[in-house]
Every structure is written in C-alpha cells, then in structure tokens.
Amino acid sequence: MEPQPGVRRGDPVRISVDGRAVESFLGESVAAAMIADTDDLTMRTTSDGDPRGLFCGMGVCFECLVVVDGVPNTRACMTWVRDDMVVQTQVGPGPRDAAG
C-alpha cells in the first residue's frame, strides 16, 4: 500500500520475523512491521496456549512481548526496527524454540 500524500517513511530495512524476511521502514515499531506483514496478529502465546498481540500500543500492557535478537520479553510496540533485526514470536516466558 502506498503512503498517503505528504507522508514520508523512513529508509527501508529488512528484519526477520520467525525466519521470514520482512520489509519494514526506519521509524516504525516491531509491532507495526509484524502487523503489516501478516493476517495473524499473534505476537506471543501464553504458557496455556492463549494468543496475545498488540493491545494498548504504548508499552503499558505487555501483551505484545516478543523475542528480539535473543532477548525475550521485549515490547514490540516500544521497539524500533533496525536492519537485520531478528524477531521471534514468544511462547510463555521465552522464545518459541524453547517451548517445545
């Protein structure tokens, strides 16, 4: 989708989300990049298997926790994308791979 007239995006960068290359733009949050990339809005899954995603969008609720560059419990809505960032959806208290 093309941005509206007068809206300028940052430089394009590539991040990895669960092993997929995702085009994003400097100045955007990890949450924005993840939402733009897929129809599945799940960013983490609780230990009980309940999906969670962006809720407040301002870093208050901790529903959008992801693993960024190996660091779990990173708020996707408060983390700016950067080139070559590696993002994983989080299961329970850690990365997806650790859950199973």
PDB file of N, CA and C in Angstrom:
ATOM      1  N   MET A   1       0.849  -1.161   0.000  1.00  0.00           N
ATOM      2  CA  MET A   1       0.000   0.000   0.000  1.00  0.00           C
ATOM      3  C   MET A   1       0.901   1.233   0.000  1.00  0.00           C
ATOM      4  N   GLU A   2       0.582   2.174  -0.825  1.00  0.00           N
ATOM      5  CA  GLU A   2       1.348   3.413  -0.917  1.00  0.00           C
ATOM      6  C   GLU A   2       0.934   4.350   0.218  1.00  0.00           C
ATOM      7  N   PRO A   3       1.899   5.054   0.803  1.00  0.00           N
ATOM      8  CA  PRO A   3       1.529   6.012   1.852  1.00  0.00           C
ATOM      9  C   PRO A   3       0.719   7.167   1.289  1.00  0.00           C
ATOM     10  N   GLN A   4      -0.024   7.808   2.144  1.00  0.00           N
ATOM     11  CA  GLN A   4      -0.839   8.960   1.758  1.00  0.00           C
ATOM     12  C   GLN A   4       0.063  10.110   1.324  1.00  0.00           C
ATOM     13  N   PRO A   5      -0.421  10.995   0.454  1.00  0.00           N
ATOM     14  CA  PRO A   5       0.370  12.157   0.048  1.00  0.00           C
ATOM     15  C   PRO A   5       0.826  12.950   1.273  1.00  0.00           C
ATOM     16  N   GLY A   6       2.088  13.350   1.269  1.00  0.00           N
ATOM     17  CA  GLY A   6       2.634  14.120   2.377  1.00  0.00           C
ATOM     18  C   GLY A   6       3.234  13.269   3.477  1.00  0.00           C
ATOM     19  N   VAL A   7       3.005  11.959   3.443  1.00  0.00           N
ATOM     20  CA  VAL A   7       3.568  11.071   4.455  1.00  0.00           C
ATOM     21  C   VAL A   7       4.879  10.511   3.926  1.00  0.00           C
ATOM     22  N   ARG A   8       5.938  10.697   4.691  1.00  0.00           N
ATOM     23  CA  ARG A   8       7.226  10.152   4.290  1.00  0.00           C
ATOM     24  C   ARG A   8       7.621   9.047   5.253  1.00  0.00           C
ATOM     25  N   ARG A   9       8.056   7.937   4.702  1.00  0.00           N
ATOM     26  CA  ARG A   9       8.508   6.821   5.519  1.00  0.00           C
ATOM     27  C   ARG A   9      10.019   6.879   5.628  1.00  0.00           C
ATOM     28  N   GLY A  10      10.540   6.210   6.635  1.00  0.00           N
ATOM     29  CA  GLY A  10      11.979   6.118   6.789  1.00  0.00           C
ATOM     30  C   GLY A  10      12.575   5.220   5.721  1.00  0.00           C
ATOM     31  N   ASP A  11      13.879   5.077   5.761  1.00  0.00           N
ATOM     32  CA  ASP A  11      14.559   4.192   4.825  1.00  0.00           C
ATOM     33  C   ASP A  11      14.096   2.755   5.030  1.00  0.00           C
ATOM     34  N   PRO A  12      13.985   1.981   3.942  1.00  0.00           N
ATOM     35  CA  PRO A  12      13.582   0.583   4.096  1.00  0.00           C
ATOM     36  C   PRO A  12      14.689  -0.238   4.759  1.00  0.00           C
ATOM     37  N   VAL A  13      14.269  -1.169   5.600  1.00  0.00           N
ATOM     38  CA  VAL A  13      15.174  -2.119   6.249  1.00  0.00           C
ATOM     39  C   VAL A  13      14.542  -3.491   6.189  1.00  0.00           C
ATOM     40  N   ARG A  14      15.349  -4.509   6.343  1.00  0.00           N
ATOM     41  CA  ARG A  14      14.835  -5.885   6.405  1.00  0.00           C
ATOM     42  C   ARG A  14      15.034  -6.418   7.798  1.00  0.00           C
ATOM     43  N   ILE A  15      13.965  -7.000   8.328  1.00  0.00           N
ATOM     44  CA  ILE A  15      14.060  -7.718   9.589  1.00  0.00           C
ATOM     45  C   ILE A  15      13.612  -9.142   9.327  1.00  0.00           C
ATOM     46  N   SER A  16      13.882 -10.013  10.256  1.00  0.00           N
ATOM     47  CA  SER A  16      13.426 -11.397  10.163  1.00  0.00           C
ATOM     48  C   SER A  16      12.382 -11.608  11.246  1.00  0.00           C
ATOM     49  N   VAL A  17      11.214 -12.127  10.867  1.00  0.00           N
ATOM     50  CA  VAL A  17      10.156 -12.448  11.825  1.00  0.00           C
ATOM     51  C   VAL A  17       9.858 -13.929  11.696  1.00  0.00           C
ATOM     52  N   ASP A  18      10.200 -14.683  12.724  1.00  0.00           N
ATOM     53  CA  ASP A  18      10.015 -16.139  12.715  1.00  0.00           C
ATOM     54  C   ASP A  18      10.615 -16.763  11.458  1.00  0.00           C
ATOM     55  N   GLY A  19      11.786 -16.261  11.055  1.00  0.00           N
ATOM     56  CA  GLY A  19      12.508 -16.828   9.919  1.00  0.00           C
ATOM     57  C   GLY A  19      12.118 -16.267   8.564  1.00  0.00           C
ATOM     58  N   ARG A  20      11.099 -15.399   8.498  1.00  0.00           N
ATOM     59  CA  ARG A  20      10.680 -14.778   7.234  1.00  0.00           C
ATOM     60  C   ARG A  20      11.310 -13.396   7.111  1.00  0.00           C
ATOM     61  N   ALA A  21      11.786 -13.078   5.926  1.00  0.00           N
ATOM     62  CA  ALA A  21      12.276 -11.720   5.671  1.00  0.00           C
ATOM     63  C   ALA A  21      11.087 -10.783   5.562  1.00  0.00           C
ATOM     64  N   VAL A  22      11.125  -9.687   6.298  1.00  0.00           N
ATOM     65  CA  VAL A  22      10.026  -8.728   6.337  1.00  0.00           C
ATOM     66  C   VAL A  22      10.591  -7.351   6.032  1.00  0.00           C
ATOM     67  N   GLU A  23      10.015  -6.679   5.025  1.00  0.00           N
ATOM     68  CA  GLU A  23      10.424  -5.321   4.737  1.00  0.00           C
ATOM     69  C   GLU A  23       9.715  -4.383   5.703  1.00  0.00           C
ATOM     70  N   SER A  24      10.472  -3.470   6.238  1.00  0.00           N
ATOM     71  CA  SER A  24       9.967  -2.510   7.190  1.00  0.00           C
ATOM     72  C   SER A  24      10.649  -1.179   6.913  1.00  0.00           C
ATOM     73  N   PHE A  25      10.370  -0.182   7.722  1.00  0.00           N
ATOM     74  CA  PHE A  25      10.930   1.142   7.493  1.00  0.00           C
ATOM     75  C   PHE A  25      11.407   1.743   8.808  1.00  0.00           C
ATOM     76  N   LEU A  26      12.574   2.367   8.772  1.00  0.00           N
ATOM     77  CA  LEU A  26      13.092   3.028   9.962  1.00  0.00           C
ATOM     78  C   LEU A  26      12.039   3.983  10.504  1.00  0.00           C
ATOM     79  N   GLY A  27      11.900   4.002  11.821  1.00  0.00           N
ATOM     80  CA  GLY A  27      10.888   4.841  12.457  1.00  0.00           C
ATOM     81  C   GLY A  27       9.613   4.090  12.783  1.00  0.00           C
ATOM     82  N   GLU A  28       9.520   2.847  12.336  1.00  0.00           N
ATOM     83  CA  GLU A  28       8.352   2.015  12.648  1.00  0.00           C
ATOM     84  C   GLU A  28       8.696   1.059  13.780  1.00  0.00           C
ATOM     85  N   SER A  29       7.700   0.697  14.537  1.00  0.00           N
ATOM     86  CA  SER A  29       7.900  -0.259  15.622  1.00  0.00           C
ATOM     87  C   SER A  29       7.891  -1.685  15.091  1.00  0.00           C
ATOM     88  N   VAL A  30       8.418  -2.584  15.892  1.00  0.00           N
ATOM     89  CA  VAL A  30       8.361  -4.007  15.558  1.00  0.00           C
ATOM     90  C   VAL A  30       6.902  -4.436  15.421  1.00  0.00           C
ATOM     91  N   ALA A  31       6.035  -3.932  16.285  1.00  0.00           N
ATOM     92  CA  ALA A  31       4.610  -4.274  16.202  1.00  0.00           C
ATOM     93  C   ALA A  31       4.022  -3.863  14.856  1.00  0.00           C
ATOM     94  N   ALA A  32       4.339  -2.654  14.391  1.00  0.00           N
ATOM     95  CA  ALA A  32       3.826  -2.188  13.099  1.00  0.00           C
ATOM     96  C   ALA A  32       4.320  -3.082  11.972  1.00  0.00           C
ATOM     97  N   ALA A  33       5.584  -3.459  12.020  1.00  0.00           N
ATOM     98  CA  ALA A  33       6.151  -4.331  10.981  1.00  0.00           C
ATOM     99  C   ALA A  33       5.466  -5.691  10.992  1.00  0.00           C
ATOM    100  N   MET A  34       5.220  -6.239  12.170  1.00  0.00           N
ATOM    101  CA  MET A  34       4.576  -7.553  12.268  1.00  0.00           C
ATOM    102  C   MET A  34       3.131  -7.492  11.792  1.00  0.00           C
ATOM    103  N   ILE A  35       2.414  -6.438  12.141  1.00  0.00           N
ATOM    104  CA  ILE A  35       1.021  -6.297  11.718  1.00  0.00           C
ATOM    105  C   ILE A  35       0.932  -6.125  10.207  1.00  0.00           C
ATOM    106  N   ALA A  36       1.842  -5.361   9.630  1.00  0.00           N
ATOM    107  CA  ALA A  36       1.827  -5.131   8.185  1.00  0.00           C
ATOM    108  C   ALA A  36       2.197  -6.375   7.397  1.00  0.00           C
ATOM    109  N   ASP A  37       2.909  -7.305   8.023  1.00  0.00           N
ATOM    110  CA  ASP A  37       3.425  -8.480   7.326  1.00  0.00           C
ATOM    111  C   ASP A  37       2.433  -9.625   7.198  1.00  0.00           C
ATOM    112  N   THR A  38       1.463  -9.731   8.070  1.00  0.00           N
ATOM    113  CA  THR A  38       0.653 -10.943   8.115  1.00  0.00           C
ATOM    114  C   THR A  38      -0.775 -10.660   8.574  1.00  0.00           C
ATOM    115  N   ASP A  39      -1.656 -11.602   8.329  1.00  0.00           N
ATOM    116  CA  ASP A  39      -3.016 -11.523   8.845  1.00  0.00           C
ATOM    117  C   ASP A  39      -3.112 -12.088  10.260  1.00  0.00           C
ATOM    118  N   ASP A  40      -2.080 -12.837  10.690  1.00  0.00           N
ATOM    119  CA  ASP A  40      -2.052 -13.410  12.037  1.00  0.00           C
ATOM    120  C   ASP A  40      -1.452 -12.367  12.968  1.00  0.00           C
ATOM    121  N   LEU A  41      -2.233 -11.813  13.848  1.00  0.00           N
ATOM    122  CA  LEU A  41      -1.779 -10.736  14.717  1.00  0.00           C
ATOM    123  C   LEU A  41      -1.183 -11.228  16.030  1.00  0.00           C
ATOM    124  N   THR A  42      -0.959 -12.533  16.149  1.00  0.00           N
ATOM    125  CA  THR A  42      -0.379 -13.099  17.362  1.00  0.00           C
ATOM    126  C   THR A  42       1.092 -12.732  17.459  1.00  0.00           C
ATOM    127  N   MET A  43       1.479 -12.137  18.572  1.00  0.00           N
ATOM    128  CA  MET A  43       2.872 -11.791  18.813  1.00  0.00           C
ATOM    129  C   MET A  43       3.489 -12.688  19.872  1.00  0.00           C
ATOM    130  N   ARG A  44       2.637 -13.215  20.731  1.00  0.00           N
ATOM    131  CA  ARG A  44       3.113 -14.172  21.727  1.00  0.00           C
ATOM    132  C   ARG A  44       1.971 -15.115  22.067  1.00  0.00           C
ATOM    133  N   THR A  45       2.322 -16.199  22.695  1.00  0.00           N
ATOM    134  CA  THR A  45       1.340 -17.157  23.173  1.00  0.00           C
ATOM    135  C   THR A  45       1.647 -17.411  24.638  1.00  0.00           C
ATOM    136  N   THR A  46       0.632 -17.391  25.469  1.00  0.00           N
ATOM    137  CA  THR A  46       0.859 -17.651  26.889  1.00  0.00           C
ATOM    138  C   THR A  46       1.271 -19.096  27.087  1.00  0.00           C
ATOM    139  N   SER A  47       1.736 -19.412  28.278  1.00  0.00           N
ATOM    140  CA  SER A  47       2.101 -20.796  28.602  1.00  0.00           C
ATOM    141  C   SER A  47       0.919 -21.740  28.453  1.00  0.00           C
ATOM    142  N   ASP A  48      -0.298 -21.214  28.589  1.00  0.00           N
ATOM    143  CA  ASP A  48      -1.514 -22.013  28.425  1.00  0.00           C
ATOM    144  C   ASP A  48      -1.979 -22.101  26.979  1.00  0.00           C
ATOM    145  N   GLY A  49      -1.266 -21.439  26.060  1.00  0.00           N
ATOM    146  CA  GLY A  49      -1.611 -21.510  24.647  1.00  0.00           C
ATOM    147  C   GLY A  49      -2.539 -20.427  24.142  1.00  0.00           C
ATOM    148  N   ASP A  50      -2.815 -19.429  24.966  1.00  0.00           N
ATOM    149  CA  ASP A  50      -3.701 -18.339  24.554  1.00  0.00           C
ATOM    150  C   ASP A  50      -2.927 -17.303  23.738  1.00  0.00           C
ATOM    151  N   PRO A  51      -3.421 -16.930  22.546  1.00  0.00           N
ATOM    152  CA  PRO A  51      -2.712 -15.946  21.724  1.00  0.00           C
ATOM    153  C   PRO A  51      -2.862 -14.535  22.289  1.00  0.00           C
ATOM    154  N   ARG A  52      -1.802 -13.752  22.131  1.00  0.00           N
ATOM    155  CA  ARG A  52      -1.808 -12.353  22.542  1.00  0.00           C
ATOM    156  C   ARG A  52      -1.185 -11.524  21.426  1.00  0.00           C
ATOM    157  N   GLY A  53      -1.540 -10.248  21.365  1.00  0.00           N
ATOM    158  CA  GLY A  53      -0.994  -9.363  20.342  1.00  0.00           C
ATOM    159  C   GLY A  53      -1.000  -7.935  20.834  1.00  0.00           C
ATOM    160  N   LEU A  54      -0.959  -7.005  19.913  1.00  0.00           N
ATOM    161  CA  LEU A  54      -0.947  -5.592  20.262  1.00  0.00           C
ATOM    162  C   LEU A  54      -2.272  -5.233  20.933  1.00  0.00           C
ATOM    163  N   PHE A  55      -2.201  -4.601  22.084  1.00  0.00           N
ATOM    164  CA  PHE A  55      -3.418  -4.196  22.785  1.00  0.00           C
ATOM    165  C   PHE A  55      -3.406  -2.693  23.040  1.00  0.00           C
ATOM    166  N   CYS A  56      -2.509  -2.209  23.873  1.00  0.00           N
ATOM    167  CA  CYS A  56      -2.515  -0.774  24.191  1.00  0.00           C
ATOM    168  C   CYS A  56      -1.696   0.035  23.196  1.00  0.00           C
ATOM    169  N   GLY A  57      -0.648  -0.540  22.646  1.00  0.00           N
ATOM    170  CA  GLY A  57       0.180   0.150  21.672  1.00  0.00           C
ATOM    171  C   GLY A  57       1.075   1.234  22.245  1.00  0.00           C
ATOM    172  N   MET A  58       1.179   1.301  23.573  1.00  0.00           N
ATOM    173  CA  MET A  58       2.025   2.340  24.169  1.00  0.00           C
ATOM    174  C   MET A  58       2.875   1.819  25.325  1.00  0.00           C
ATOM    175  N   GLY A  59       3.067   0.504  25.389  1.00  0.00           N
ATOM    176  CA  GLY A  59       4.001  -0.064  26.349  1.00  0.00           C
ATOM    177  C   GLY A  59       3.507  -0.245  27.758  1.00  0.00           C
ATOM    178  N   VAL A  60       2.194  -0.210  27.965  1.00  0.00           N
ATOM    179  CA  VAL A  60       1.654  -0.331  29.315  1.00  0.00           C
ATOM    180  C   VAL A  60       1.237  -1.762  29.645  1.00  0.00           C
ATOM    181  N   CYS A  61       0.710  -2.500  28.671  1.00  0.00           N
ATOM    182  CA  CYS A  61       0.029  -3.761  28.982  1.00  0.00           C
ATOM    183  C   CYS A  61       0.895  -5.015  28.865  1.00  0.00           C
ATOM    184  N   PHE A  62       1.985  -5.007  28.164  1.00  0.00           N
ATOM    185  CA  PHE A  62       2.878  -6.153  27.996  1.00  0.00           C
ATOM    186  C   PHE A  62       2.243  -7.328  27.241  1.00  0.00           C
ATOM    187  N   GLU A  63       1.228  -7.073  26.425  1.00  0.00           N
ATOM    188  CA  GLU A  63       0.616  -8.137  25.630  1.00  0.00           C
ATOM    189  C   GLU A  63       1.411  -8.451  24.375  1.00  0.00           C
ATOM    190  N   CYS A  64       2.236  -7.526  23.893  1.00  0.00           N
ATOM    191  CA  CYS A  64       2.938  -7.701  22.620  1.00  0.00           C
ATOM    192  C   CYS A  64       4.388  -8.158  22.793  1.00  0.00           C
ATOM    193  N   LEU A  65       4.667  -8.921  23.837  1.00  0.00           N
ATOM    194  CA  LEU A  65       6.037  -9.365  24.086  1.00  0.00           C
ATOM    195  C   LEU A  65       6.527 -10.288  22.983  1.00  0.00           C
ATOM    196  N   VAL A  66       7.734 -10.040  22.522  1.00  0.00           N
ATOM    197  CA  VAL A  66       8.402 -10.856  21.507  1.00  0.00           C
ATOM    198  C   VAL A  66       9.851 -11.056  21.929  1.00  0.00           C
ATOM    199  N   VAL A  67      10.545 -11.897  21.190  1.00  0.00           N
ATOM    200  CA  VAL A  67      11.975 -12.106  21.398  1.00  0.00           C
ATOM    201  C   VAL A  67      12.692 -11.338  20.296  1.00  0.00           C
ATOM    202  N   VAL A  68      13.545 -10.379  20.666  1.00  0.00           N
ATOM    203  CA  VAL A  68      14.293  -9.586  19.697  1.00  0.00           C
ATOM    204  C   VAL A  68      15.779  -9.863  19.886  1.00  0.00           C
ATOM    205  N   ASP A  69      16.404 -10.377  18.838  1.00  0.00           N
ATOM    206  CA  ASP A  69      17.831 -10.692  18.879  1.00  0.00           C
ATOM    207  C   ASP A  69      18.180 -11.533  20.103  1.00  0.00           C
ATOM    208  N   GLY A  70      17.310 -12.497  20.409  1.00  0.00           N
ATOM    209  CA  GLY A  70      17.541 -13.426  21.506  1.00  0.00           C
ATOM    210  C   GLY A  70      17.113 -12.938  22.875  1.00  0.00           C
ATOM    211  N   VAL A  71      16.592 -11.731  22.974  1.00  0.00           N
ATOM    212  CA  VAL A  71      16.175 -11.173  24.266  1.00  0.00           C
ATOM    213  C   VAL A  71      14.659 -11.301  24.402  1.00  0.00           C
ATOM    214  N   PRO A  72      14.179 -12.191  25.298  1.00  0.00           N
ATOM    215  CA  PRO A  72      12.733 -12.353  25.466  1.00  0.00           C
ATOM    216  C   PRO A  72      12.123 -11.164  26.198  1.00  0.00           C
ATOM    217  N   ASN A  73      10.793 -11.103  26.180  1.00  0.00           N
ATOM    218  CA  ASN A  73      10.021 -10.093  26.915  1.00  0.00           C
ATOM    219  C   ASN A  73      10.293  -8.667  26.432  1.00  0.00           C
ATOM    220  N   THR A  74      10.516  -8.525  25.136  1.00  0.00           N
ATOM    221  CA  THR A  74      10.714  -7.214  24.530  1.00  0.00           C
ATOM    222  C   THR A  74       9.370  -6.718  24.011  1.00  0.00           C
ATOM    223  N   ARG A  75       8.970  -5.520  24.393  1.00  0.00           N
ATOM    224  CA  ARG A  75       7.683  -4.977  23.947  1.00  0.00           C
ATOM    225  C   ARG A  75       7.793  -4.543  22.488  1.00  0.00           C
ATOM    226  N   ALA A  76       7.036  -5.198  21.616  1.00  0.00           N
ATOM    227  CA  ALA A  76       7.084  -4.912  20.178  1.00  0.00           C
ATOM    228  C   ALA A  76       6.614  -3.495  19.867  1.00  0.00           C
ATOM    229  N   CYS A  77       5.692  -2.979  20.653  1.00  0.00           N
ATOM    230  CA  CYS A  77       5.159  -1.639  20.381  1.00  0.00           C
ATOM    231  C   CYS A  77       6.137  -0.543  20.762  1.00  0.00           C
ATOM    232  N   MET A  78       7.133  -0.844  21.566  1.00  0.00           N
ATOM    233  CA  MET A  78       8.084   0.157  22.050  1.00  0.00           C
ATOM    234  C   MET A  78       9.482  -0.015  21.463  1.00  0.00           C
ATOM    235  N   THR A  79       9.636  -0.957  20.538  1.00  0.00           N
ATOM    236  CA  THR A  79      10.951  -1.269  19.978  1.00  0.00           C
ATOM    237  C   THR A  79      10.968  -0.888  18.512  1.00  0.00           C
ATOM    238  N   TRP A  80      11.916  -0.027  18.119  1.00  0.00           N
ATOM    239  CA  TRP A  80      12.021   0.427  16.736  1.00  0.00           C
ATOM    240  C   TRP A  80      12.786  -0.590  15.915  1.00  0.00           C
ATOM    241  N   VAL A  81      12.340  -0.818  14.688  1.00  0.00           N
ATOM    242  CA  VAL A  81      13.037  -1.752  13.807  1.00  0.00           C
ATOM    243  C   VAL A  81      14.408  -1.202  13.427  1.00  0.00           C
ATOM    244  N   ARG A  82      15.311  -2.113  13.142  1.00  0.00           N
ATOM    245  CA  ARG A  82      16.609  -1.757  12.590  1.00  0.00           C
ATOM    246  C   ARG A  82      17.025  -2.878  11.662  1.00  0.00           C
ATOM    247  N   ASP A  83      17.870  -2.568  10.725  1.00  0.00           N
ATOM    248  CA  ASP A  83      18.279  -3.531   9.718  1.00  0.00           C
ATOM    249  C   ASP A  83      18.868  -4.781  10.374  1.00  0.00           C
ATOM    250  N   ASP A  84      18.480  -5.939   9.845  1.00  0.00           N
ATOM    251  CA  ASP A  84      18.963  -7.256  10.286  1.00  0.00           C
ATOM    252  C   ASP A  84      18.492  -7.674  11.676  1.00  0.00           C
ATOM    253  N   MET A  85      17.483  -7.031  12.218  1.00  0.00           N
ATOM    254  CA  MET A  85      16.914  -7.433  13.499  1.00  0.00           C
ATOM    255  C   MET A  85      16.241  -8.798  13.338  1.00  0.00           C
ATOM    256  N   VAL A  86      16.373  -9.650  14.340  1.00  0.00           N
ATOM    257  CA  VAL A  86      15.744 -10.968  14.334  1.00  0.00           C
ATOM    258  C   VAL A  86      14.661 -10.989  15.407  1.00  0.00           C
ATOM    259  N   VAL A  87      13.416 -11.192  14.974  1.00  0.00           N
ATOM    260  CA  VAL A  87      12.259 -11.185  15.864  1.00  0.00           C
ATOM    261  C   VAL A  87      11.618 -12.566  15.836  1.00  0.00           C
ATOM    262  N   GLN A  88      11.247 -13.059  17.015  1.00  0.00           N
ATOM    263  CA  GLN A  88      10.505 -14.327  17.121  1.00  0.00           C
ATOM    264  C   GLN A  88       9.262 -14.083  17.957  1.00  0.00           C
ATOM    265  N   THR A  89       8.166 -14.725  17.582  1.00  0.00           N
ATOM    266  CA  THR A  89       7.017 -14.706  18.477  1.00  0.00           C
ATOM    267  C   THR A  89       7.436 -15.458  19.735  1.00  0.00           C
ATOM    268  N   GLN A  90       6.841 -15.083  20.845  1.00  0.00           N
ATOM    269  CA  GLN A  90       7.255 -15.637  22.129  1.00  0.00           C
ATOM    270  C   GLN A  90       6.193 -16.591  22.649  1.00  0.00           C
ATOM    271  N   VAL A  91       6.648 -17.707  23.208  1.00  0.00           N
ATOM    272  CA  VAL A  91       5.745 -18.649  23.853  1.00  0.00           C
ATOM    273  C   VAL A  91       6.095 -18.686  25.332  1.00  0.00           C
ATOM    274  N   GLY A  92       5.108 -18.389  26.165  1.00  0.00           N
ATOM    275  CA  GLY A  92       5.369 -18.346  27.600  1.00  0.00           C
ATOM    276  C   GLY A  92       6.454 -17.321  27.894  1.00  0.00           C
ATOM    277  N   PRO A  93       7.407 -17.697  28.741  1.00  0.00           N
ATOM    278  CA  PRO A  93       8.422 -16.734  29.159  1.00  0.00           C
ATOM    279  C   PRO A  93       9.640 -16.645  28.240  1.00  0.00           C
ATOM    280  N   GLY A  94       9.627 -17.349  27.111  1.00  0.00           N
ATOM    281  CA  GLY A  94      10.828 -17.331  26.272  1.00  0.00           C
ATOM    282  C   GLY A  94      10.552 -17.533  24.810  1.00  0.00           C
ATOM    283  N   PRO A  95      11.617 -17.777  24.026  1.00  0.00           N
ATOM    284  CA  PRO A  95      11.448 -17.932  22.585  1.00  0.00           C
ATOM    285  C   PRO A  95      10.639 -19.156  22.224  1.00  0.00           C
ATOM    286  N   ARG A  96      10.077 -19.116  21.019  1.00  0.00           N
ATOM    287  CA  ARG A  96       9.254 -20.216  20.517  1.00  0.00           C
ATOM    288  C   ARG A  96      10.001 -21.545  20.591  1.00  0.00           C
ATOM    289  N   ASP A  97      11.286 -21.561  20.197  1.00  0.00           N
ATOM    290  CA  ASP A  97      12.058 -22.802  20.188  1.00  0.00           C
ATOM    291  C   ASP A  97      12.209 -23.411  21.571  1.00  0.00           C
ATOM    292  N   ALA A  98      12.218 -22.574  22.610  1.00  0.00           N
ATOM    293  CA  ALA A  98      12.403 -23.060  23.968  1.00  0.00           C
ATOM    294  C   ALA A  98      11.163 -23.774  24.491  1.00  0.00           C
ATOM    295  N   ALA A  99      10.017 -23.558  23.860  1.00  0.00           N
ATOM    296  CA  ALA A  99       8.769 -24.123  24.375  1.00  0.00           C
ATOM    297  C   ALA A  99       8.572 -25.583  23.977  1.00  0.00           C
ATOM    298  N   GLY A 100       9.287 -25.998  22.999  1.00  0.00           N
ATOM    299  CA  GLY A 100       8.877 -27.286  22.577  1.00  0.00           C
ATOM    300  C   GLY A 100       9.869 -28.250  22.212  1.00  0.00           C
TER     301      GLY A 100
END
